[in-house]
Amino acid sequence: MRNYEITAVYRTNAVEETRNSFKDILSKNGVAVQSEEDWGNKRLWHHVDGEENGFYHHFKCNAEPSSIAKIENDAKLNLNILKAMVIRQNG
């Protein structure tokens, strides 16, 4: 397993529902979440799907490299997740 940081941006009108949905996506794909932080509502650099603001949620986790593509694909299918970025940590 490798260490990853995942930052997801949710629509501001469905934060709690989307947060639980994204956690389900992570657990379904065998991701072990070490920590998570709410970064709150922030203005987006450019509009995404007509939204000016988004709710940022950050995870530090362990996952198999093969599960990352599945997570990214599932996040794209959820209309309340505006963006999701996965970064592999060194080590």
C-alpha atoms as a PDB file:
ATOM      1  CA  MET A   1       0.000   0.000   0.000  1.00  0.00           C
ATOM      2  CA  ARG A   2       1.122   3.531  -0.720  1.00  0.00           C
ATOM      3  CA  ASN A   3       0.418   6.818   1.020  1.00  0.00           C
ATOM      4  CA  TYR A   4      -1.835   9.292  -0.771  1.00  0.00           C
ATOM      5  CA  GLU A   5      -3.421  12.661  -0.167  1.00  0.00           C
ATOM      6  CA  ILE A   6      -6.855  13.190  -1.682  1.00  0.00           C
ATOM      7  CA  THR A   7      -8.574  16.554  -1.895  1.00  0.00           C
ATOM      8  CA  ALA A   8     -12.196  16.618  -2.969  1.00  0.00           C
ATOM      9  CA  VAL A   9     -14.340  19.663  -3.744  1.00  0.00           C
ATOM     10  CA  TYR A  10     -18.077  19.308  -3.152  1.00  0.00           C
ATOM     11  CA  ARG A  11     -21.068  21.411  -4.134  1.00  0.00           C
ATOM     12  CA  THR A  12     -21.887  23.709  -1.227  1.00  0.00           C
ATOM     13  CA  ASN A  13     -25.572  22.745  -1.140  1.00  0.00           C
ATOM     14  CA  ALA A  14     -24.962  19.025  -0.471  1.00  0.00           C
ATOM     15  CA  VAL A  15     -21.841  18.830   1.694  1.00  0.00           C
ATOM     16  CA  GLU A  16     -22.845  16.229   4.299  1.00  0.00           C
ATOM     17  CA  GLU A  17     -24.482  13.881   1.799  1.00  0.00           C
ATOM     18  CA  THR A  18     -21.528  14.150  -0.598  1.00  0.00           C
ATOM     19  CA  ARG A  19     -18.929  13.705   2.159  1.00  0.00           C
ATOM     20  CA  ASN A  20     -20.589  10.427   3.207  1.00  0.00           C
ATOM     21  CA  SER A  21     -20.851   9.337  -0.417  1.00  0.00           C
ATOM     22  CA  PHE A  22     -17.147  10.005  -1.026  1.00  0.00           C
ATOM     23  CA  LYS A  23     -16.190   8.121   2.149  1.00  0.00           C
ATOM     24  CA  ASP A  24     -18.240   5.190   0.828  1.00  0.00           C
ATOM     25  CA  ILE A  25     -16.311   5.373  -2.458  1.00  0.00           C
ATOM     26  CA  LEU A  26     -13.031   5.239  -0.530  1.00  0.00           C
ATOM     27  CA  SER A  27     -14.048   2.318   1.690  1.00  0.00           C
ATOM     28  CA  LYS A  28     -15.540   0.397  -1.269  1.00  0.00           C
ATOM     29  CA  ASN A  29     -12.137   0.571  -2.975  1.00  0.00           C
ATOM     30  CA  GLY A  30     -10.170  -0.586   0.077  1.00  0.00           C
ATOM     31  CA  VAL A  31      -8.725   2.774   1.106  1.00  0.00           C
ATOM     32  CA  ALA A  32      -7.622   3.140   4.740  1.00  0.00           C
ATOM     33  CA  VAL A  33      -8.202   6.766   5.784  1.00  0.00           C
ATOM     34  CA  GLN A  34      -5.575   7.935   8.303  1.00  0.00           C
ATOM     35  CA  SER A  35      -6.899  11.454   8.802  1.00  0.00           C
ATOM     36  CA  GLU A  36      -9.288  13.929   7.262  1.00  0.00           C
ATOM     37  CA  GLU A  37      -9.798  17.676   7.441  1.00  0.00           C
ATOM     38  CA  ASP A  38     -12.550  20.027   6.406  1.00  0.00           C
ATOM     39  CA  TRP A  39     -11.024  23.049   4.721  1.00  0.00           C
ATOM     40  CA  GLY A  40     -14.416  24.719   4.395  1.00  0.00           C
ATOM     41  CA  ASN A  41     -16.059  26.798   1.694  1.00  0.00           C
ATOM     42  CA  LYS A  42     -13.691  28.518  -0.692  1.00  0.00           C
ATOM     43  CA  ARG A  43     -14.100  30.453  -3.887  1.00  0.00           C
ATOM     44  CA  LEU A  44     -13.108  28.436  -6.950  1.00  0.00           C
ATOM     45  CA  TRP A  45     -10.445  29.830  -9.271  1.00  0.00           C
ATOM     46  CA  HIS A  46     -12.849  29.345 -12.183  1.00  0.00           C
ATOM     47  CA  HIS A  47     -16.444  28.185 -12.372  1.00  0.00           C
ATOM     48  CA  VAL A  48     -16.950  24.427 -12.319  1.00  0.00           C
ATOM     49  CA  ASP A  49     -20.354  23.241 -13.529  1.00  0.00           C
ATOM     50  CA  GLY A  50     -21.713  26.730 -12.882  1.00  0.00           C
ATOM     51  CA  GLU A  51     -20.499  26.816  -9.258  1.00  0.00           C
ATOM     52  CA  GLU A  52     -18.471  29.753  -7.921  1.00  0.00           C
ATOM     53  CA  ASN A  53     -17.733  28.186  -4.515  1.00  0.00           C
ATOM     54  CA  GLY A  54     -16.908  24.715  -3.311  1.00  0.00           C
ATOM     55  CA  PHE A  55     -16.452  22.887  -0.021  1.00  0.00           C
ATOM     56  CA  TYR A  56     -12.940  21.432   0.274  1.00  0.00           C
ATOM     57  CA  HIS A  57     -12.319  18.153   2.123  1.00  0.00           C
ATOM     58  CA  HIS A  58      -8.832  16.658   2.484  1.00  0.00           C
ATOM     59  CA  PHE A  59      -7.868  13.046   3.275  1.00  0.00           C
ATOM     60  CA  LYS A  60      -4.565  11.356   4.098  1.00  0.00           C
ATOM     61  CA  CYS A  61      -4.831   7.652   3.396  1.00  0.00           C
ATOM     62  CA  ASN A  62      -3.252   4.363   2.347  1.00  0.00           C
ATOM     63  CA  ALA A  63      -4.357   2.591  -0.810  1.00  0.00           C
ATOM     64  CA  GLU A  64      -3.278   0.139  -3.436  1.00  0.00           C
ATOM     65  CA  PRO A  65      -2.196   1.863  -6.669  1.00  0.00           C
ATOM     66  CA  SER A  66      -4.755  -0.155  -8.635  1.00  0.00           C
ATOM     67  CA  SER A  67      -7.649   1.368  -6.665  1.00  0.00           C
ATOM     68  CA  ILE A  68      -6.774   5.008  -7.455  1.00  0.00           C
ATOM     69  CA  ALA A  69      -8.194   4.957 -10.999  1.00  0.00           C
ATOM     70  CA  LYS A  70     -11.431   3.449  -9.663  1.00  0.00           C
ATOM     71  CA  ILE A  71     -11.721   6.206  -7.043  1.00  0.00           C
ATOM     72  CA  GLU A  72     -11.143   8.927  -9.630  1.00  0.00           C
ATOM     73  CA  ASN A  73     -13.730   7.379 -11.959  1.00  0.00           C
ATOM     74  CA  ASP A  74     -16.354   7.011  -9.204  1.00  0.00           C
ATOM     75  CA  ALA A  75     -15.762  10.630  -8.153  1.00  0.00           C
ATOM     76  CA  LYS A  76     -16.374  11.826 -11.718  1.00  0.00           C
ATOM     77  CA  LEU A  77     -19.687   9.957 -11.803  1.00  0.00           C
ATOM     78  CA  ASN A  78     -20.983  11.723  -8.670  1.00  0.00           C
ATOM     79  CA  LEU A  79     -22.495  15.050  -9.769  1.00  0.00           C
ATOM     80  CA  ASN A  80     -22.012  16.634  -6.323  1.00  0.00           C
ATOM     81  CA  ILE A  81     -18.228  16.139  -6.430  1.00  0.00           C
ATOM     82  CA  LEU A  82     -16.895  19.031  -8.484  1.00  0.00           C
ATOM     83  CA  LYS A  83     -13.243  17.958  -8.427  1.00  0.00           C
ATOM     84  CA  ALA A  84     -11.071  15.285  -6.841  1.00  0.00           C
ATOM     85  CA  MET A  85      -7.286  15.321  -6.847  1.00  0.00           C
ATOM     86  CA  VAL A  86      -5.093  12.402  -5.755  1.00  0.00           C
ATOM     87  CA  ILE A  87      -1.416  12.928  -4.963  1.00  0.00           C
ATOM     88  CA  ARG A  88       1.012  10.162  -4.017  1.00  0.00           C
ATOM     89  CA  GLN A  89       3.241  10.969  -1.072  1.00  0.00           C
ATOM     90  CA  ASN A  90       6.879   9.941  -1.087  1.00  0.00           C
ATOM     91  CA  GLY A  91       7.780   7.094   1.182  1.00  0.00           C
END
